[in-house]
Amino acid sequence: MSMGWEHDEVPVPRGCVRIFVTDEPGDVARVRLVGEADALAAQRLRRDLAALLRTCPMSVVVDLVDVTFCDLAGASAIDRSVQQAERDGRRVEVRDASALVSWLLRTSREVGAAHQVAVSLDLADHEA
């Protein structure tokens, strides 16, 4: 299953991420992101990636080797989509992220977890 164009043939505009899907042996889908995962692309990226991951087989590889730029908003969009797929029962492996993107993904997850704890504590205070 392929979505989009080969990135060698069509340039990816700035502030845009293209998503390509290929089937791999063993009922695994490779989801490759190409382009800039930044604040301009984050909302659409999260929506499109989450929707796509819901249609993938139970094992998914998210390949970030062709992500040319990423900020915290882009990393958060990727991470939240991956977390949702994991909650849906899929095994998701993120591969080939640059050192910066890996750090941003970890930071996004830590910030998200801290925010969830803060909201939960705040709600508990109001319920008491």
C-alpha atoms as a PDB file:
ATOM      1  CA  MET A   1       0.000   0.000   0.000  1.00  0.00           C
ATOM      2  CA  SER A   2       1.555   3.307  -0.970  1.00  0.00           C
ATOM      3  CA  MET A   3       0.306   6.769  -0.165  1.00  0.00           C
ATOM      4  CA  GLY A   4       1.784   9.779  -1.894  1.00  0.00           C
ATOM      5  CA  TRP A   5       4.706   9.988  -4.290  1.00  0.00           C
ATOM      6  CA  GLU A   6       8.281   8.907  -4.133  1.00  0.00           C
ATOM      7  CA  HIS A   7      10.134  11.789  -2.533  1.00  0.00           C
ATOM      8  CA  ASP A   8      12.944  11.582  -5.089  1.00  0.00           C
ATOM      9  CA  GLU A   9      10.489  12.522  -7.821  1.00  0.00           C
ATOM     10  CA  VAL A  10       8.413  15.200  -6.095  1.00  0.00           C
ATOM     11  CA  PRO A  11      10.025  17.761  -3.795  1.00  0.00           C
ATOM     12  CA  VAL A  12       8.409  18.058  -0.391  1.00  0.00           C
ATOM     13  CA  PRO A  13       7.389  21.684   0.279  1.00  0.00           C
ATOM     14  CA  ARG A  14       8.688  23.383   3.410  1.00  0.00           C
ATOM     15  CA  GLY A  15       6.510  22.857   6.447  1.00  0.00           C
ATOM     16  CA  CYS A  16       5.085  19.672   4.962  1.00  0.00           C
ATOM     17  CA  VAL A  17       5.402  15.984   5.745  1.00  0.00           C
ATOM     18  CA  ARG A  18       4.513  13.293   3.250  1.00  0.00           C
ATOM     19  CA  ILE A  19       3.632   9.822   4.489  1.00  0.00           C
ATOM     20  CA  PHE A  20       4.517   6.692   2.505  1.00  0.00           C
ATOM     21  CA  VAL A  21       3.403   3.192   3.460  1.00  0.00           C
ATOM     22  CA  THR A  22       4.853  -0.062   2.200  1.00  0.00           C
ATOM     23  CA  ASP A  23       4.073  -3.625   3.176  1.00  0.00           C
ATOM     24  CA  GLU A  24       6.958  -5.676   4.517  1.00  0.00           C
ATOM     25  CA  PRO A  25       7.280  -9.422   5.063  1.00  0.00           C
ATOM     26  CA  GLY A  26       5.573 -10.764   8.166  1.00  0.00           C
ATOM     27  CA  ASP A  27       2.497  -8.535   8.033  1.00  0.00           C
ATOM     28  CA  VAL A  28       4.463  -5.403   8.948  1.00  0.00           C
ATOM     29  CA  ALA A  29       3.774  -1.942   7.576  1.00  0.00           C
ATOM     30  CA  ARG A  30       6.622   0.534   7.096  1.00  0.00           C
ATOM     31  CA  VAL A  31       5.380   4.087   7.511  1.00  0.00           C
ATOM     32  CA  ARG A  32       7.972   6.541   6.229  1.00  0.00           C
ATOM     33  CA  LEU A  33       7.747  10.244   6.963  1.00  0.00           C
ATOM     34  CA  VAL A  34       9.435  12.602   4.525  1.00  0.00           C
ATOM     35  CA  GLY A  35       9.859  16.337   5.023  1.00  0.00           C
ATOM     36  CA  GLU A  36       9.601  18.842   7.863  1.00  0.00           C
ATOM     37  CA  ALA A  37       7.688  17.851  10.988  1.00  0.00           C
ATOM     38  CA  ASP A  38       7.235  21.292  12.470  1.00  0.00           C
ATOM     39  CA  ALA A  39       4.542  23.421  14.076  1.00  0.00           C
ATOM     40  CA  LEU A  40       3.080  24.256  10.656  1.00  0.00           C
ATOM     41  CA  ALA A  41       2.584  20.574   9.833  1.00  0.00           C
ATOM     42  CA  ALA A  42       1.912  19.205  13.340  1.00  0.00           C
ATOM     43  CA  GLN A  43      -1.889  19.242  13.473  1.00  0.00           C
ATOM     44  CA  ARG A  44      -2.334  17.662  10.054  1.00  0.00           C
ATOM     45  CA  LEU A  45       0.527  15.223  10.666  1.00  0.00           C
ATOM     46  CA  ARG A  46      -1.019  14.016  13.908  1.00  0.00           C
ATOM     47  CA  ARG A  47      -4.447  13.594  12.341  1.00  0.00           C
ATOM     48  CA  ASP A  48      -3.180  11.845   9.193  1.00  0.00           C
ATOM     49  CA  LEU A  49      -0.627   9.642  10.937  1.00  0.00           C
ATOM     50  CA  ALA A  50      -3.068   8.548  13.658  1.00  0.00           C
ATOM     51  CA  ALA A  51      -5.705   7.701  11.036  1.00  0.00           C
ATOM     52  CA  LEU A  52      -3.193   5.794   8.956  1.00  0.00           C
ATOM     53  CA  LEU A  53      -1.851   3.813  11.916  1.00  0.00           C
ATOM     54  CA  ARG A  54      -5.403   2.688  12.728  1.00  0.00           C
ATOM     55  CA  THR A  55      -5.539   0.968   9.314  1.00  0.00           C
ATOM     56  CA  CYS A  56      -2.114  -0.695   9.539  1.00  0.00           C
ATOM     57  CA  PRO A  57      -1.445  -4.292  10.556  1.00  0.00           C
ATOM     58  CA  MET A  58      -0.564  -5.042  14.159  1.00  0.00           C
ATOM     59  CA  SER A  59       3.174  -4.409  13.590  1.00  0.00           C
ATOM     60  CA  VAL A  60       4.326  -1.045  12.309  1.00  0.00           C
ATOM     61  CA  VAL A  61       7.738   0.490  11.717  1.00  0.00           C
ATOM     62  CA  VAL A  62       7.714   4.299  11.652  1.00  0.00           C
ATOM     63  CA  ASP A  63      10.787   5.326   9.655  1.00  0.00           C
ATOM     64  CA  LEU A  64      12.040   8.864  10.298  1.00  0.00           C
ATOM     65  CA  VAL A  65      15.243   8.765   8.248  1.00  0.00           C
ATOM     66  CA  ASP A  66      13.849  11.302   5.748  1.00  0.00           C
ATOM     67  CA  VAL A  67      12.568  13.820   8.306  1.00  0.00           C
ATOM     68  CA  THR A  68      14.685  16.832   7.374  1.00  0.00           C
ATOM     69  CA  PHE A  69      13.535  19.082  10.226  1.00  0.00           C
ATOM     70  CA  CYS A  70      11.571  18.539  13.405  1.00  0.00           C
ATOM     71  CA  ASP A  71      10.548  20.762  16.282  1.00  0.00           C
ATOM     72  CA  LEU A  72       8.772  19.862  19.528  1.00  0.00           C
ATOM     73  CA  ALA A  73       5.319  20.281  17.949  1.00  0.00           C
ATOM     74  CA  GLY A  74       6.211  17.846  15.164  1.00  0.00           C
ATOM     75  CA  ALA A  75       7.750  15.359  17.589  1.00  0.00           C
ATOM     76  CA  SER A  76       4.663  15.591  19.785  1.00  0.00           C
ATOM     77  CA  ALA A  77       2.419  14.874  16.790  1.00  0.00           C
ATOM     78  CA  ILE A  78       4.451  11.781  15.932  1.00  0.00           C
ATOM     79  CA  ASP A  79       4.675  10.605  19.530  1.00  0.00           C
ATOM     80  CA  ARG A  80       0.966  11.058  20.267  1.00  0.00           C
ATOM     81  CA  SER A  81       0.050   9.131  17.108  1.00  0.00           C
ATOM     82  CA  VAL A  82       2.429   6.317  18.079  1.00  0.00           C
ATOM     83  CA  GLN A  83       1.059   6.220  21.634  1.00  0.00           C
ATOM     84  CA  GLN A  84      -2.506   5.984  20.315  1.00  0.00           C
ATOM     85  CA  ALA A  85      -1.553   3.107  18.017  1.00  0.00           C
ATOM     86  CA  GLU A  86       0.098   1.342  20.971  1.00  0.00           C
ATOM     87  CA  ARG A  87      -3.042   1.826  23.076  1.00  0.00           C
ATOM     88  CA  ASP A  88      -4.982   0.300  20.166  1.00  0.00           C
ATOM     89  CA  GLY A  89      -2.810  -2.803  20.503  1.00  0.00           C
ATOM     90  CA  ARG A  90      -0.280  -2.256  17.732  1.00  0.00           C
ATOM     91  CA  ARG A  91       3.439  -2.864  18.153  1.00  0.00           C
ATOM     92  CA  VAL A  92       5.124   0.274  16.877  1.00  0.00           C
ATOM     93  CA  GLU A  93       8.852   0.710  16.422  1.00  0.00           C
ATOM     94  CA  VAL A  94      10.260   4.133  15.569  1.00  0.00           C
ATOM     95  CA  ARG A  95      13.473   3.809  13.539  1.00  0.00           C
ATOM     96  CA  ASP A  96      16.220   5.895  12.046  1.00  0.00           C
ATOM     97  CA  ALA A  97      15.448   9.149  13.824  1.00  0.00           C
ATOM     98  CA  SER A  98      18.326  11.595  14.080  1.00  0.00           C
ATOM     99  CA  ALA A  99      19.770  12.234  17.537  1.00  0.00           C
ATOM    100  CA  LEU A 100      17.827  15.510  17.754  1.00  0.00           C
ATOM    101  CA  VAL A 101      14.529  13.949  16.687  1.00  0.00           C
ATOM    102  CA  SER A 102      15.058  11.073  19.165  1.00  0.00           C
ATOM    103  CA  TRP A 103      15.629  13.602  21.936  1.00  0.00           C
ATOM    104  CA  LEU A 104      12.540  15.581  20.911  1.00  0.00           C
ATOM    105  CA  LEU A 105      10.419  12.403  20.906  1.00  0.00           C
ATOM    106  CA  ARG A 106      11.599  11.529  24.436  1.00  0.00           C
ATOM    107  CA  THR A 107      11.035  15.106  25.593  1.00  0.00           C
ATOM    108  CA  SER A 108       7.555  15.148  24.070  1.00  0.00           C
ATOM    109  CA  ARG A 109       6.631  11.951  25.896  1.00  0.00           C
ATOM    110  CA  GLU A 110       8.017  13.265  29.205  1.00  0.00           C
ATOM    111  CA  VAL A 111       6.223  16.605  28.838  1.00  0.00           C
ATOM    112  CA  GLY A 112       2.989  14.830  27.905  1.00  0.00           C
ATOM    113  CA  ALA A 113       3.254  12.479  30.901  1.00  0.00           C
ATOM    114  CA  ALA A 114       3.986  15.372  33.266  1.00  0.00           C
ATOM    115  CA  HIS A 115       1.012  17.288  31.877  1.00  0.00           C
ATOM    116  CA  GLN A 116      -1.301  14.285  32.359  1.00  0.00           C
ATOM    117  CA  VAL A 117      -0.175  13.900  35.968  1.00  0.00           C
ATOM    118  CA  ALA A 118      -0.701  17.610  36.636  1.00  0.00           C
ATOM    119  CA  VAL A 119      -4.193  17.530  35.142  1.00  0.00           C
ATOM    120  CA  SER A 120      -5.073  14.384  37.121  1.00  0.00           C
ATOM    121  CA  LEU A 121      -3.877  15.951  40.364  1.00  0.00           C
ATOM    122  CA  ASP A 122      -5.773  19.152  39.613  1.00  0.00           C
ATOM    123  CA  LEU A 123      -8.978  17.224  38.935  1.00  0.00           C
ATOM    124  CA  ALA A 124      -8.518  15.208  42.140  1.00  0.00           C
ATOM    125  CA  ASP A 125      -8.239  18.450  44.130  1.00  0.00           C
ATOM    126  CA  HIS A 126     -11.550  19.647  42.677  1.00  0.00           C
ATOM    127  CA  GLU A 127     -13.319  16.367  43.345  1.00  0.00           C
ATOM    128  CA  ALA A 128     -12.391  16.354  47.034  1.00  0.00           C
END
